[in-house]
Amino acid sequence: MKVSEMGTVKGCPERAVMEHVTSTWGVLVLLDLADAGTLRFSELRRRIGGVSEKMLTQTLRTLERDGFVRRLAHPVIPPHVDYDLTPLGAQAAEMVGALARWTGDNVAAVAAAQQAYDAAR
């Protein structure tokens, strides 16, 4: 399937995976794990900032189910769980990282376009 067709085919698996990887929290989880390597839940939540415990849990479960994130629960008390990227997750992080860098490089141009659009309305 062509990338240009993904948005037009309802129920296609590529579309669902794209939504998981490019969601706000999905992007940040992938980028932070790519940057830091292995993180505990609380460390990841602090690094991301602004994400609820529930939303981070859902995002991690989704990314784990998709094969991007590995969850390692240690048999200790209190519970200790580490998260890191799988090889597939590292590839996804590289791709969204390129988009994040492009966004950072072009945010001023986007803001100028938004201002021009708003002024014309």
PDB file of N, CA and C in Angstrom:
ATOM      1  N   MET A   1       0.832  -1.178   0.000  1.00  0.00           N
ATOM      2  CA  MET A   1       0.000   0.000   0.000  1.00  0.00           C
ATOM      3  C   MET A   1       0.877   1.243   0.000  1.00  0.00           C
ATOM      4  N   LYS A   2       0.511   2.194  -0.813  1.00  0.00           N
ATOM      5  CA  LYS A   2       1.240   3.455  -0.872  1.00  0.00           C
ATOM      6  C   LYS A   2       0.919   4.285   0.362  1.00  0.00           C
ATOM      7  N   VAL A   3       1.890   5.080   0.801  1.00  0.00           N
ATOM      8  CA  VAL A   3       1.683   5.952   1.946  1.00  0.00           C
ATOM      9  C   VAL A   3       0.514   6.889   1.685  1.00  0.00           C
ATOM     10  N   SER A   4       0.368   7.370   0.461  1.00  0.00           N
ATOM     11  CA  SER A   4      -0.720   8.295   0.135  1.00  0.00           C
ATOM     12  C   SER A   4      -2.093   7.653   0.250  1.00  0.00           C
ATOM     13  N   GLU A   5      -2.162   6.328   0.229  1.00  0.00           N
ATOM     14  CA  GLU A   5      -3.440   5.629   0.328  1.00  0.00           C
ATOM     15  C   GLU A   5      -3.829   5.308   1.770  1.00  0.00           C
ATOM     16  N   MET A   6      -2.898   5.410   2.732  1.00  0.00           N
ATOM     17  CA  MET A   6      -3.171   4.979   4.092  1.00  0.00           C
ATOM     18  C   MET A   6      -4.313   5.747   4.738  1.00  0.00           C
ATOM     19  N   GLY A   7      -4.425   7.022   4.460  1.00  0.00           N
ATOM     20  CA  GLY A   7      -5.486   7.804   5.076  1.00  0.00           C
ATOM     21  C   GLY A   7      -6.845   7.572   4.457  1.00  0.00           C
ATOM     22  N   THR A   8      -6.907   6.901   3.320  1.00  0.00           N
ATOM     23  CA  THR A   8      -8.173   6.721   2.638  1.00  0.00           C
ATOM     24  C   THR A   8      -8.793   5.345   2.838  1.00  0.00           C
ATOM     25  N   VAL A   9      -8.043   4.405   3.371  1.00  0.00           N
ATOM     26  CA  VAL A   9      -8.550   3.049   3.548  1.00  0.00           C
ATOM     27  C   VAL A   9      -8.901   2.843   5.017  1.00  0.00           C
ATOM     28  N   LYS A  10     -10.185   2.764   5.309  1.00  0.00           N
ATOM     29  CA  LYS A  10     -10.602   2.575   6.690  1.00  0.00           C
ATOM     30  C   LYS A  10     -10.255   1.165   7.151  1.00  0.00           C
ATOM     31  N   GLY A  11      -9.789   1.061   8.389  1.00  0.00           N
ATOM     32  CA  GLY A  11      -9.483  -0.230   8.966  1.00  0.00           C
ATOM     33  C   GLY A  11      -8.157  -0.831   8.537  1.00  0.00           C
ATOM     34  N   CYS A  12      -7.353  -0.096   7.774  1.00  0.00           N
ATOM     35  CA  CYS A  12      -6.080  -0.681   7.360  1.00  0.00           C
ATOM     36  C   CYS A  12      -5.116  -0.671   8.550  1.00  0.00           C
ATOM     37  N   PRO A  13      -4.335  -1.738   8.727  1.00  0.00           N
ATOM     38  CA  PRO A  13      -3.445  -1.818   9.886  1.00  0.00           C
ATOM     39  C   PRO A  13      -2.370  -0.744   9.897  1.00  0.00           C
ATOM     40  N   GLU A  14      -1.936  -0.302   8.721  1.00  0.00           N
ATOM     41  CA  GLU A  14      -0.912   0.742   8.664  1.00  0.00           C
ATOM     42  C   GLU A  14      -1.396   2.028   9.328  1.00  0.00           C
ATOM     43  N   ARG A  15      -2.654   2.325   9.130  1.00  0.00           N
ATOM     44  CA  ARG A  15      -3.237   3.548   9.695  1.00  0.00           C
ATOM     45  C   ARG A  15      -3.206   3.504  11.223  1.00  0.00           C
ATOM     46  N   ALA A  16      -3.572   2.369  11.804  1.00  0.00           N
ATOM     47  CA  ALA A  16      -3.573   2.229  13.258  1.00  0.00           C
ATOM     48  C   ALA A  16      -2.158   2.352  13.822  1.00  0.00           C
ATOM     49  N   VAL A  17      -1.198   1.700  13.185  1.00  0.00           N
ATOM     50  CA  VAL A  17       0.188   1.781  13.661  1.00  0.00           C
ATOM     51  C   VAL A  17       0.695   3.217  13.556  1.00  0.00           C
ATOM     52  N   MET A  18       0.365   3.885  12.457  1.00  0.00           N
ATOM     53  CA  MET A  18       0.773   5.279  12.280  1.00  0.00           C
ATOM     54  C   MET A  18       0.206   6.154  13.394  1.00  0.00           C
ATOM     55  N   GLU A  19      -1.048   5.911  13.758  1.00  0.00           N
ATOM     56  CA  GLU A  19      -1.655   6.687  14.843  1.00  0.00           C
ATOM     57  C   GLU A  19      -0.945   6.445  16.170  1.00  0.00           C
ATOM     58  N   HIS A  20      -0.550   5.215  16.436  1.00  0.00           N
ATOM     59  CA  HIS A  20       0.147   4.901  17.691  1.00  0.00           C
ATOM     60  C   HIS A  20       1.509   5.576  17.752  1.00  0.00           C
ATOM     61  N   VAL A  21       2.248   5.518  16.664  1.00  0.00           N
ATOM     62  CA  VAL A  21       3.607   6.066  16.629  1.00  0.00           C
ATOM     63  C   VAL A  21       3.602   7.587  16.636  1.00  0.00           C
ATOM     64  N   THR A  22       2.619   8.201  15.977  1.00  0.00           N
ATOM     65  CA  THR A  22       2.629   9.659  15.837  1.00  0.00           C
ATOM     66  C   THR A  22       1.716  10.379  16.826  1.00  0.00           C
ATOM     67  N   SER A  23       1.121   9.652  17.763  1.00  0.00           N
ATOM     68  CA  SER A  23       0.341  10.331  18.798  1.00  0.00           C
ATOM     69  C   SER A  23       1.292  11.193  19.632  1.00  0.00           C
ATOM     70  N   THR A  24       0.753  12.199  20.278  1.00  0.00           N
ATOM     71  CA  THR A  24       1.591  13.092  21.086  1.00  0.00           C
ATOM     72  C   THR A  24       2.441  12.308  22.068  1.00  0.00           C
ATOM     73  N   TRP A  25       1.818  11.422  22.828  1.00  0.00           N
ATOM     74  CA  TRP A  25       2.557  10.698  23.859  1.00  0.00           C
ATOM     75  C   TRP A  25       3.415   9.603  23.247  1.00  0.00           C
ATOM     76  N   GLY A  26       2.954   9.003  22.159  1.00  0.00           N
ATOM     77  CA  GLY A  26       3.749   7.975  21.489  1.00  0.00           C
ATOM     78  C   GLY A  26       5.077   8.524  21.004  1.00  0.00           C
ATOM     79  N   VAL A  27       5.033   9.692  20.380  1.00  0.00           N
ATOM     80  CA  VAL A  27       6.260  10.339  19.900  1.00  0.00           C
ATOM     81  C   VAL A  27       7.203  10.614  21.060  1.00  0.00           C
ATOM     82  N   LEU A  28       6.672  11.182  22.127  1.00  0.00           N
ATOM     83  CA  LEU A  28       7.534  11.544  23.250  1.00  0.00           C
ATOM     84  C   LEU A  28       8.122  10.323  23.949  1.00  0.00           C
ATOM     85  N   VAL A  29       7.340   9.251  24.079  1.00  0.00           N
ATOM     86  CA  VAL A  29       7.875   8.012  24.666  1.00  0.00           C
ATOM     87  C   VAL A  29       9.012   7.471  23.802  1.00  0.00           C
ATOM     88  N   LEU A  30       8.773   7.388  22.504  1.00  0.00           N
ATOM     89  CA  LEU A  30       9.811   6.869  21.603  1.00  0.00           C
ATOM     90  C   LEU A  30      11.077   7.711  21.664  1.00  0.00           C
ATOM     91  N   LEU A  31      10.929   9.033  21.630  1.00  0.00           N
ATOM     92  CA  LEU A  31      12.105   9.907  21.636  1.00  0.00           C
ATOM     93  C   LEU A  31      12.855   9.851  22.960  1.00  0.00           C
ATOM     94  N   ASP A  32      12.115   9.824  24.080  1.00  0.00           N
ATOM     95  CA  ASP A  32      12.797   9.772  25.377  1.00  0.00           C
ATOM     96  C   ASP A  32      13.501   8.441  25.596  1.00  0.00           C
ATOM     97  N   LEU A  33      12.873   7.345  25.196  1.00  0.00           N
ATOM     98  CA  LEU A  33      13.547   6.054  25.341  1.00  0.00           C
ATOM     99  C   LEU A  33      14.743   5.943  24.399  1.00  0.00           C
ATOM    100  N   ALA A  34      14.634   6.530  23.210  1.00  0.00           N
ATOM    101  CA  ALA A  34      15.774   6.528  22.286  1.00  0.00           C
ATOM    102  C   ALA A  34      16.929   7.329  22.873  1.00  0.00           C
ATOM    103  N   ASP A  35      16.614   8.409  23.552  1.00  0.00           N
ATOM    104  CA  ASP A  35      17.634   9.281  24.130  1.00  0.00           C
ATOM    105  C   ASP A  35      18.266   8.669  25.379  1.00  0.00           C
ATOM    106  N   ALA A  36      17.440   8.073  26.236  1.00  0.00           N
ATOM    107  CA  ALA A  36      17.923   7.631  27.544  1.00  0.00           C
ATOM    108  C   ALA A  36      18.255   6.151  27.616  1.00  0.00           C
ATOM    109  N   GLY A  37      17.738   5.369  26.689  1.00  0.00           N
ATOM    110  CA  GLY A  37      17.954   3.920  26.778  1.00  0.00           C
ATOM    111  C   GLY A  37      16.850   3.280  27.585  1.00  0.00           C
ATOM    112  N   THR A  38      17.153   2.844  28.790  1.00  0.00           N
ATOM    113  CA  THR A  38      16.187   2.188  29.659  1.00  0.00           C
ATOM    114  C   THR A  38      15.734   3.154  30.739  1.00  0.00           C
ATOM    115  N   LEU A  39      14.407   3.214  30.940  1.00  0.00           N
ATOM    116  CA  LEU A  39      13.846   4.096  31.962  1.00  0.00           C
ATOM    117  C   LEU A  39      12.775   3.371  32.757  1.00  0.00           C
ATOM    118  N   ARG A  40      12.659   3.738  34.015  1.00  0.00           N
ATOM    119  CA  ARG A  40      11.544   3.280  34.826  1.00  0.00           C
ATOM    120  C   ARG A  40      10.340   4.156  34.502  1.00  0.00           C
ATOM    121  N   PHE A  41       9.157   3.685  34.855  1.00  0.00           N
ATOM    122  CA  PHE A  41       7.920   4.409  34.560  1.00  0.00           C
ATOM    123  C   PHE A  41       7.984   5.843  35.091  1.00  0.00           C
ATOM    124  N   SER A  42       8.348   5.998  36.359  1.00  0.00           N
ATOM    125  CA  SER A  42       8.376   7.327  36.976  1.00  0.00           C
ATOM    126  C   SER A  42       9.407   8.238  36.307  1.00  0.00           C
ATOM    127  N   GLU A  43      10.538   7.689  35.907  1.00  0.00           N
ATOM    128  CA  GLU A  43      11.554   8.486  35.208  1.00  0.00           C
ATOM    129  C   GLU A  43      11.022   8.961  33.857  1.00  0.00           C
ATOM    130  N   LEU A  44      10.361   8.068  33.152  1.00  0.00           N
ATOM    131  CA  LEU A  44       9.798   8.416  31.849  1.00  0.00           C
ATOM    132  C   LEU A  44       8.723   9.483  32.007  1.00  0.00           C
ATOM    133  N   ARG A  45       7.873   9.327  32.991  1.00  0.00           N
ATOM    134  CA  ARG A  45       6.798  10.314  33.232  1.00  0.00           C
ATOM    135  C   ARG A  45       7.378  11.690  33.554  1.00  0.00           C
ATOM    136  N   ARG A  46       8.422  11.733  34.368  1.00  0.00           N
ATOM    137  CA  ARG A  46       9.065  13.015  34.699  1.00  0.00           C
ATOM    138  C   ARG A  46       9.698  13.651  33.462  1.00  0.00           C
ATOM    139  N   ARG A  47      10.366  12.855  32.650  1.00  0.00           N
ATOM    140  CA  ARG A  47      11.027  13.376  31.444  1.00  0.00           C
ATOM    141  C   ARG A  47      10.012  13.960  30.468  1.00  0.00           C
ATOM    142  N   ILE A  48       8.891  13.268  30.307  1.00  0.00           N
ATOM    143  CA  ILE A  48       7.878  13.725  29.359  1.00  0.00           C
ATOM    144  C   ILE A  48       7.166  14.955  29.898  1.00  0.00           C
ATOM    145  N   GLY A  49       6.729  14.910  31.137  1.00  0.00           N
ATOM    146  CA  GLY A  49       6.030  16.038  31.743  1.00  0.00           C
ATOM    147  C   GLY A  49       4.639  16.232  31.162  1.00  0.00           C
ATOM    148  N   GLY A  50       3.663  16.477  32.024  1.00  0.00           N
ATOM    149  CA  GLY A  50       2.311  16.783  31.566  1.00  0.00           C
ATOM    150  C   GLY A  50       1.467  15.585  31.179  1.00  0.00           C
ATOM    151  N   VAL A  51       2.008  14.396  31.254  1.00  0.00           N
ATOM    152  CA  VAL A  51       1.245  13.199  30.896  1.00  0.00           C
ATOM    153  C   VAL A  51       0.717  12.558  32.186  1.00  0.00           C
ATOM    154  N   SER A  52      -0.559  12.160  32.158  1.00  0.00           N
ATOM    155  CA  SER A  52      -1.125  11.494  33.323  1.00  0.00           C
ATOM    156  C   SER A  52      -0.591  10.073  33.413  1.00  0.00           C
ATOM    157  N   GLU A  53      -0.674   9.506  34.597  1.00  0.00           N
ATOM    158  CA  GLU A  53      -0.231   8.128  34.798  1.00  0.00           C
ATOM    159  C   GLU A  53      -1.043   7.186  33.907  1.00  0.00           C
ATOM    160  N   LYS A  54      -2.342   7.432  33.840  1.00  0.00           N
ATOM    161  CA  LYS A  54      -3.224   6.586  33.028  1.00  0.00           C
ATOM    162  C   LYS A  54      -2.853   6.651  31.544  1.00  0.00           C
ATOM    163  N   MET A  55      -2.623   7.851  31.026  1.00  0.00           N
ATOM    164  CA  MET A  55      -2.305   8.008  29.611  1.00  0.00           C
ATOM    165  C   MET A  55      -0.950   7.403  29.274  1.00  0.00           C
ATOM    166  N   LEU A  56       0.029   7.573  30.154  1.00  0.00           N
ATOM    167  CA  LEU A  56       1.339   6.983  29.912  1.00  0.00           C
ATOM    168  C   LEU A  56       1.244   5.458  29.935  1.00  0.00           C
ATOM    169  N   THR A  57       0.482   4.914  30.862  1.00  0.00           N
ATOM    170  CA  THR A  57       0.286   3.467  30.929  1.00  0.00           C
ATOM    171  C   THR A  57      -0.346   2.952  29.640  1.00  0.00           C
ATOM    172  N   GLN A  58      -1.385   3.630  29.169  1.00  0.00           N
ATOM    173  CA  GLN A  58      -2.049   3.220  27.927  1.00  0.00           C
ATOM    174  C   GLN A  58      -1.099   3.296  26.740  1.00  0.00           C
ATOM    175  N   THR A  59      -0.333   4.372  26.675  1.00  0.00           N
ATOM    176  CA  THR A  59       0.606   4.554  25.564  1.00  0.00           C
ATOM    177  C   THR A  59       1.672   3.461  25.576  1.00  0.00           C
ATOM    178  N   LEU A  60       2.237   3.185  26.743  1.00  0.00           N
ATOM    179  CA  LEU A  60       3.261   2.148  26.847  1.00  0.00           C
ATOM    180  C   LEU A  60       2.704   0.779  26.479  1.00  0.00           C
ATOM    181  N   ARG A  61       1.486   0.478  26.912  1.00  0.00           N
ATOM    182  CA  ARG A  61       0.872  -0.814  26.570  1.00  0.00           C
ATOM    183  C   ARG A  61       0.659  -0.934  25.062  1.00  0.00           C
ATOM    184  N   THR A  62       0.191   0.145  24.458  1.00  0.00           N
ATOM    185  CA  THR A  62      -0.032   0.130  23.010  1.00  0.00           C
ATOM    186  C   THR A  62       1.280  -0.067  22.260  1.00  0.00           C
ATOM    187  N   LEU A  63       2.305   0.681  22.650  1.00  0.00           N
ATOM    188  CA  LEU A  63       3.604   0.565  21.985  1.00  0.00           C
ATOM    189  C   LEU A  63       4.255  -0.794  22.252  1.00  0.00           C
ATOM    190  N   GLU A  64       4.012  -1.356  23.435  1.00  0.00           N
ATOM    191  CA  GLU A  64       4.520  -2.696  23.727  1.00  0.00           C
ATOM    192  C   GLU A  64       3.794  -3.720  22.859  1.00  0.00           C
ATOM    193  N   ARG A  65       2.490  -3.597  22.740  1.00  0.00           N
ATOM    194  CA  ARG A  65       1.708  -4.525  21.918  1.00  0.00           C
ATOM    195  C   ARG A  65       2.145  -4.470  20.455  1.00  0.00           C
ATOM    196  N   ASP A  66       2.470  -3.268  19.978  1.00  0.00           N
ATOM    197  CA  ASP A  66       2.907  -3.093  18.593  1.00  0.00           C
ATOM    198  C   ASP A  66       4.347  -3.553  18.358  1.00  0.00           C
ATOM    199  N   GLY A  67       5.060  -3.871  19.430  1.00  0.00           N
ATOM    200  CA  GLY A  67       6.432  -4.353  19.286  1.00  0.00           C
ATOM    201  C   GLY A  67       7.495  -3.271  19.301  1.00  0.00           C
ATOM    202  N   PHE A  68       7.144  -2.061  19.752  1.00  0.00           N
ATOM    203  CA  PHE A  68       8.101  -0.952  19.781  1.00  0.00           C
ATOM    204  C   PHE A  68       8.811  -0.819  21.129  1.00  0.00           C
ATOM    205  N   VAL A  69       8.115  -1.189  22.196  1.00  0.00           N
ATOM    206  CA  VAL A  69       8.641  -1.022  23.551  1.00  0.00           C
ATOM    207  C   VAL A  69       8.689  -2.382  24.239  1.00  0.00           C
ATOM    208  N   ARG A  70       9.748  -2.586  25.000  1.00  0.00           N
ATOM    209  CA  ARG A  70       9.898  -3.805  25.795  1.00  0.00           C
ATOM    210  C   ARG A  70       9.704  -3.421  27.265  1.00  0.00           C
ATOM    211  N   ARG A  71       8.898  -4.203  27.956  1.00  0.00           N
ATOM    212  CA  ARG A  71       8.639  -3.994  29.382  1.00  0.00           C
ATOM    213  C   ARG A  71       9.298  -5.125  30.150  1.00  0.00           C
ATOM    214  N   LEU A  72      10.136  -4.778  31.107  1.00  0.00           N
ATOM    215  CA  LEU A  72      10.819  -5.774  31.918  1.00  0.00           C
ATOM    216  C   LEU A  72      10.453  -5.546  33.386  1.00  0.00           C
ATOM    217  N   ALA A  73       9.654  -6.454  33.932  1.00  0.00           N
ATOM    218  CA  ALA A  73       9.249  -6.379  35.338  1.00  0.00           C
ATOM    219  C   ALA A  73      10.219  -7.216  36.172  1.00  0.00           C
ATOM    220  N   HIS A  74      10.817  -6.587  37.164  1.00  0.00           N
ATOM    221  CA  HIS A  74      11.754  -7.273  38.052  1.00  0.00           C
ATOM    222  C   HIS A  74      10.984  -7.820  39.258  1.00  0.00           C
ATOM    223  N   PRO A  75      11.265  -9.048  39.664  1.00  0.00           N
ATOM    224  CA  PRO A  75      10.534  -9.660  40.781  1.00  0.00           C
ATOM    225  C   PRO A  75      11.056  -9.182  42.136  1.00  0.00           C
ATOM    226  N   VAL A  76      10.820  -7.918  42.424  1.00  0.00           N
ATOM    227  CA  VAL A  76      11.249  -7.336  43.697  1.00  0.00           C
ATOM    228  C   VAL A  76      10.091  -6.566  44.304  1.00  0.00           C
ATOM    229  N   ILE A  77      10.233  -6.240  45.583  1.00  0.00           N
ATOM    230  CA  ILE A  77       9.243  -5.415  46.264  1.00  0.00           C
ATOM    231  C   ILE A  77       9.967  -4.198  46.786  1.00  0.00           C
ATOM    232  N   PRO A  78       9.528  -2.978  46.491  1.00  0.00           N
ATOM    233  CA  PRO A  78       8.379  -2.666  45.646  1.00  0.00           C
ATOM    234  C   PRO A  78       8.657  -3.005  44.180  1.00  0.00           C
ATOM    235  N   PRO A  79       7.580  -3.118  43.369  1.00  0.00           N
ATOM    236  CA  PRO A  79       7.749  -3.485  41.958  1.00  0.00           C
ATOM    237  C   PRO A  79       8.690  -2.527  41.233  1.00  0.00           C
ATOM    238  N   HIS A  80       9.489  -3.082  40.370  1.00  0.00           N
ATOM    239  CA  HIS A  80      10.450  -2.298  39.574  1.00  0.00           C
ATOM    240  C   HIS A  80      10.271  -2.741  38.124  1.00  0.00           C
ATOM    241  N   VAL A  81       9.843  -1.793  37.277  1.00  0.00           N
ATOM    242  CA  VAL A  81       9.609  -2.088  35.867  1.00  0.00           C
ATOM    243  C   VAL A  81      10.446  -1.144  35.025  1.00  0.00           C
ATOM    244  N   ASP A  82      11.176  -1.710  34.082  1.00  0.00           N
ATOM    245  CA  ASP A  82      11.979  -0.927  33.151  1.00  0.00           C
ATOM    246  C   ASP A  82      11.349  -0.996  31.767  1.00  0.00           C
ATOM    247  N   TYR A  83      11.537   0.081  31.007  1.00  0.00           N
ATOM    248  CA  TYR A  83      11.084   0.138  29.619  1.00  0.00           C
ATOM    249  C   TYR A  83      12.256   0.528  28.741  1.00  0.00           C
ATOM    250  N   ASP A  84      12.337  -0.103  27.585  1.00  0.00           N
ATOM    251  CA  ASP A  84      13.308   0.304  26.580  1.00  0.00           C
ATOM    252  C   ASP A  84      12.735   0.003  25.201  1.00  0.00           C
ATOM    253  N   LEU A  85      13.457   0.417  24.176  1.00  0.00           N
ATOM    254  CA  LEU A  85      12.991   0.214  22.813  1.00  0.00           C
ATOM    255  C   LEU A  85      13.474  -1.128  22.271  1.00  0.00           C
ATOM    256  N   THR A  86      12.627  -1.748  21.488  1.00  0.00           N
ATOM    257  CA  THR A  86      13.032  -2.915  20.717  1.00  0.00           C
ATOM    258  C   THR A  86      13.749  -2.397  19.468  1.00  0.00           C
ATOM    259  N   PRO A  87      14.362  -3.267  18.679  1.00  0.00           N
ATOM    260  CA  PRO A  87      14.950  -2.796  17.422  1.00  0.00           C
ATOM    261  C   PRO A  87      13.917  -2.102  16.514  1.00  0.00           C
ATOM    262  N   LEU A  88      12.702  -2.622  16.478  1.00  0.00           N
ATOM    263  CA  LEU A  88      11.642  -1.989  15.697  1.00  0.00           C
ATOM    264  C   LEU A  88      11.309  -0.606  16.256  1.00  0.00           C
ATOM    265  N   GLY A  89      11.279  -0.504  17.580  1.00  0.00           N
ATOM    266  CA  GLY A  89      11.025   0.783  18.227  1.00  0.00           C
ATOM    267  C   GLY A  89      12.123   1.794  17.964  1.00  0.00           C
ATOM    268  N   ALA A  90      13.365   1.323  17.928  1.00  0.00           N
ATOM    269  CA  ALA A  90      14.490   2.217  17.631  1.00  0.00           C
ATOM    270  C   ALA A  90      14.365   2.778  16.211  1.00  0.00           C
ATOM    271  N   GLN A  91      13.922   1.936  15.272  1.00  0.00           N
ATOM    272  CA  GLN A  91      13.705   2.420  13.902  1.00  0.00           C
ATOM    273  C   GLN A  91      12.592   3.457  13.863  1.00  0.00           C
ATOM    274  N   ALA A  92      11.498   3.197  14.576  1.00  0.00           N
ATOM    275  CA  ALA A  92      10.388   4.151  14.616  1.00  0.00           C
ATOM    276  C   ALA A  92      10.827   5.463  15.258  1.00  0.00           C
ATOM    277  N   ALA A  93      11.612   5.369  16.328  1.00  0.00           N
ATOM    278  CA  ALA A  93      12.098   6.577  17.004  1.00  0.00           C
ATOM    279  C   ALA A  93      12.978   7.407  16.081  1.00  0.00           C
ATOM    280  N   GLU A  94      13.772   6.733  15.267  1.00  0.00           N
ATOM    281  CA  GLU A  94      14.622   7.445  14.302  1.00  0.00           C
ATOM    282  C   GLU A  94      13.758   8.239  13.309  1.00  0.00           C
ATOM    283  N   MET A  95      12.684   7.627  12.860  1.00  0.00           N
ATOM    284  CA  MET A  95      11.798   8.290  11.885  1.00  0.00           C
ATOM    285  C   MET A  95      11.061   9.468  12.512  1.00  0.00           C
ATOM    286  N   VAL A  96      10.464   9.278  13.699  1.00  0.00           N
ATOM    287  CA  VAL A  96       9.746  10.394  14.323  1.00  0.00           C
ATOM    288  C   VAL A  96      10.727  11.449  14.814  1.00  0.00           C
ATOM    289  N   GLY A  97      11.957  11.033  15.117  1.00  0.00           N
ATOM    290  CA  GLY A  97      12.993  12.000  15.489  1.00  0.00           C
ATOM    291  C   GLY A  97      13.318  12.932  14.335  1.00  0.00           C
ATOM    292  N   ALA A  98      13.358  12.383  13.123  1.00  0.00           N
ATOM    293  CA  ALA A  98      13.597  13.230  11.944  1.00  0.00           C
ATOM    294  C   ALA A  98      12.472  14.236  11.777  1.00  0.00           C
ATOM    295  N   LEU A  99      11.246  13.799  11.983  1.00  0.00           N
ATOM    296  CA  LEU A  99      10.104  14.714  11.887  1.00  0.00           C
ATOM    297  C   LEU A  99      10.158  15.767  12.990  1.00  0.00           C
ATOM    298  N   ALA A 100      10.538  15.356  14.193  1.00  0.00           N
ATOM    299  CA  ALA A 100      10.648  16.304  15.300  1.00  0.00           C
ATOM    300  C   ALA A 100      11.728  17.355  15.027  1.00  0.00           C
ATOM    301  N   ARG A 101      12.857  16.920  14.470  1.00  0.00           N
ATOM    302  CA  ARG A 101      13.920  17.883  14.128  1.00  0.00           C
ATOM    303  C   ARG A 101      13.446  18.851  13.043  1.00  0.00           C
ATOM    304  N   TRP A 102      12.762  18.324  12.023  1.00  0.00           N
ATOM    305  CA  TRP A 102      12.235  19.171  10.955  1.00  0.00           C
ATOM    306  C   TRP A 102      11.257  20.185  11.533  1.00  0.00           C
ATOM    307  N   THR A 103      10.408  19.736  12.441  1.00  0.00           N
ATOM    308  CA  THR A 103       9.434  20.637  13.067  1.00  0.00           C
ATOM    309  C   THR A 103      10.144  21.747  13.826  1.00  0.00           C
ATOM    310  N   GLY A 104      11.153  21.386  14.603  1.00  0.00           N
ATOM    311  CA  GLY A 104      11.909  22.396  15.345  1.00  0.00           C
ATOM    312  C   GLY A 104      12.597  23.392  14.431  1.00  0.00           C
ATOM    313  N   ASP A 105      13.115  22.902  13.319  1.00  0.00           N
ATOM    314  CA  ASP A 105      13.797  23.774  12.360  1.00  0.00           C
ATOM    315  C   ASP A 105      12.831  24.709  11.639  1.00  0.00           C
ATOM    316  N   ASN A 106      11.565  24.332  11.541  1.00  0.00           N
ATOM    317  CA  ASN A 106      10.615  25.085  10.728  1.00  0.00           C
ATOM    318  C   ASN A 106       9.468  25.702  11.507  1.00  0.00           C
ATOM    319  N   VAL A 107       9.529  25.677  12.828  1.00  0.00           N
ATOM    320  CA  VAL A 107       8.428  26.201  13.635  1.00  0.00           C
ATOM    321  C   VAL A 107       8.207  27.697  13.388  1.00  0.00           C
ATOM    322  N   ALA A 108       9.258  28.455  13.143  1.00  0.00           N
ATOM    323  CA  ALA A 108       9.098  29.892  12.878  1.00  0.00           C
ATOM    324  C   ALA A 108       8.367  30.117  11.555  1.00  0.00           C
ATOM    325  N   ALA A 109       8.683  29.327  10.547  1.00  0.00           N
ATOM    326  CA  ALA A 109       7.995  29.457   9.257  1.00  0.00           C
ATOM    327  C   ALA A 109       6.525  29.079   9.381  1.00  0.00           C
ATOM    328  N   VAL A 110       6.233  28.074  10.171  1.00  0.00           N
ATOM    329  CA  VAL A 110       4.836  27.675  10.387  1.00  0.00           C
ATOM    330  C   VAL A 110       4.090  28.779  11.131  1.00  0.00           C
ATOM    331  N   ALA A 111       4.711  29.350  12.154  1.00  0.00           N
ATOM    332  CA  ALA A 111       4.078  30.443  12.904  1.00  0.00           C
ATOM    333  C   ALA A 111       3.803  31.628  11.989  1.00  0.00           C
ATOM    334  N   ALA A 112       4.736  31.954  11.105  1.00  0.00           N
ATOM    335  CA  ALA A 112       4.531  33.059  10.156  1.00  0.00           C
ATOM    336  C   ALA A 112       3.376  32.750   9.215  1.00  0.00           C
ATOM    337  N   ALA A 113       3.284  31.527   8.742  1.00  0.00           N
ATOM    338  CA  ALA A 113       2.173  31.134   7.862  1.00  0.00           C
ATOM    339  C   ALA A 113       0.851  31.223   8.600  1.00  0.00           C
ATOM    340  N   GLN A 114       0.830  30.819   9.866  1.00  0.00           N
ATOM    341  CA  GLN A 114      -0.392  30.902  10.660  1.00  0.00           C
ATOM    342  C   GLN A 114      -0.820  32.356  10.856  1.00  0.00           C
ATOM    343  N   GLN A 115       0.139  33.220  11.157  1.00  0.00           N
ATOM    344  CA  GLN A 115      -0.170  34.640  11.320  1.00  0.00           C
ATOM    345  C   GLN A 115      -0.703  35.244  10.022  1.00  0.00           C
ATOM    346  N   ALA A 116      -0.101  34.902   8.898  1.00  0.00           N
ATOM    347  CA  ALA A 116      -0.569  35.409   7.609  1.00  0.00           C
ATOM    348  C   ALA A 116      -1.985  34.912   7.310  1.00  0.00           C
ATOM    349  N   TYR A 117      -2.231  33.669   7.600  1.00  0.00           N
ATOM    350  CA  TYR A 117      -3.560  33.092   7.384  1.00  0.00           C
ATOM    351  C   TYR A 117      -4.597  33.801   8.248  1.00  0.00           C
ATOM    352  N   ASP A 118      -4.275  33.947   9.548  1.00  0.00           N
ATOM    353  CA  ASP A 118      -5.207  34.591  10.475  1.00  0.00           C
ATOM    354  C   ASP A 118      -5.457  36.049  10.092  1.00  0.00           C
ATOM    355  N   ALA A 119      -4.432  36.740   9.644  1.00  0.00           N
ATOM    356  CA  ALA A 119      -4.578  38.151   9.249  1.00  0.00           C
ATOM    357  C   ALA A 119      -5.454  38.278   8.011  1.00  0.00           C
ATOM    358  N   ALA A 120      -5.422  37.299   7.124  1.00  0.00           N
ATOM    359  CA  ALA A 120      -6.213  37.356   5.898  1.00  0.00           C
ATOM    360  C   ALA A 120      -7.679  37.025   6.175  1.00  0.00           C
ATOM    361  N   ARG A 121      -7.991  36.476   7.283  1.00  0.00           N
ATOM    362  CA  ARG A 121      -9.368  36.086   7.610  1.00  0.00           C
ATOM    363  C   ARG A 121     -10.049  37.219   8.267  1.00  0.00           C
TER     364      ARG A 121
END
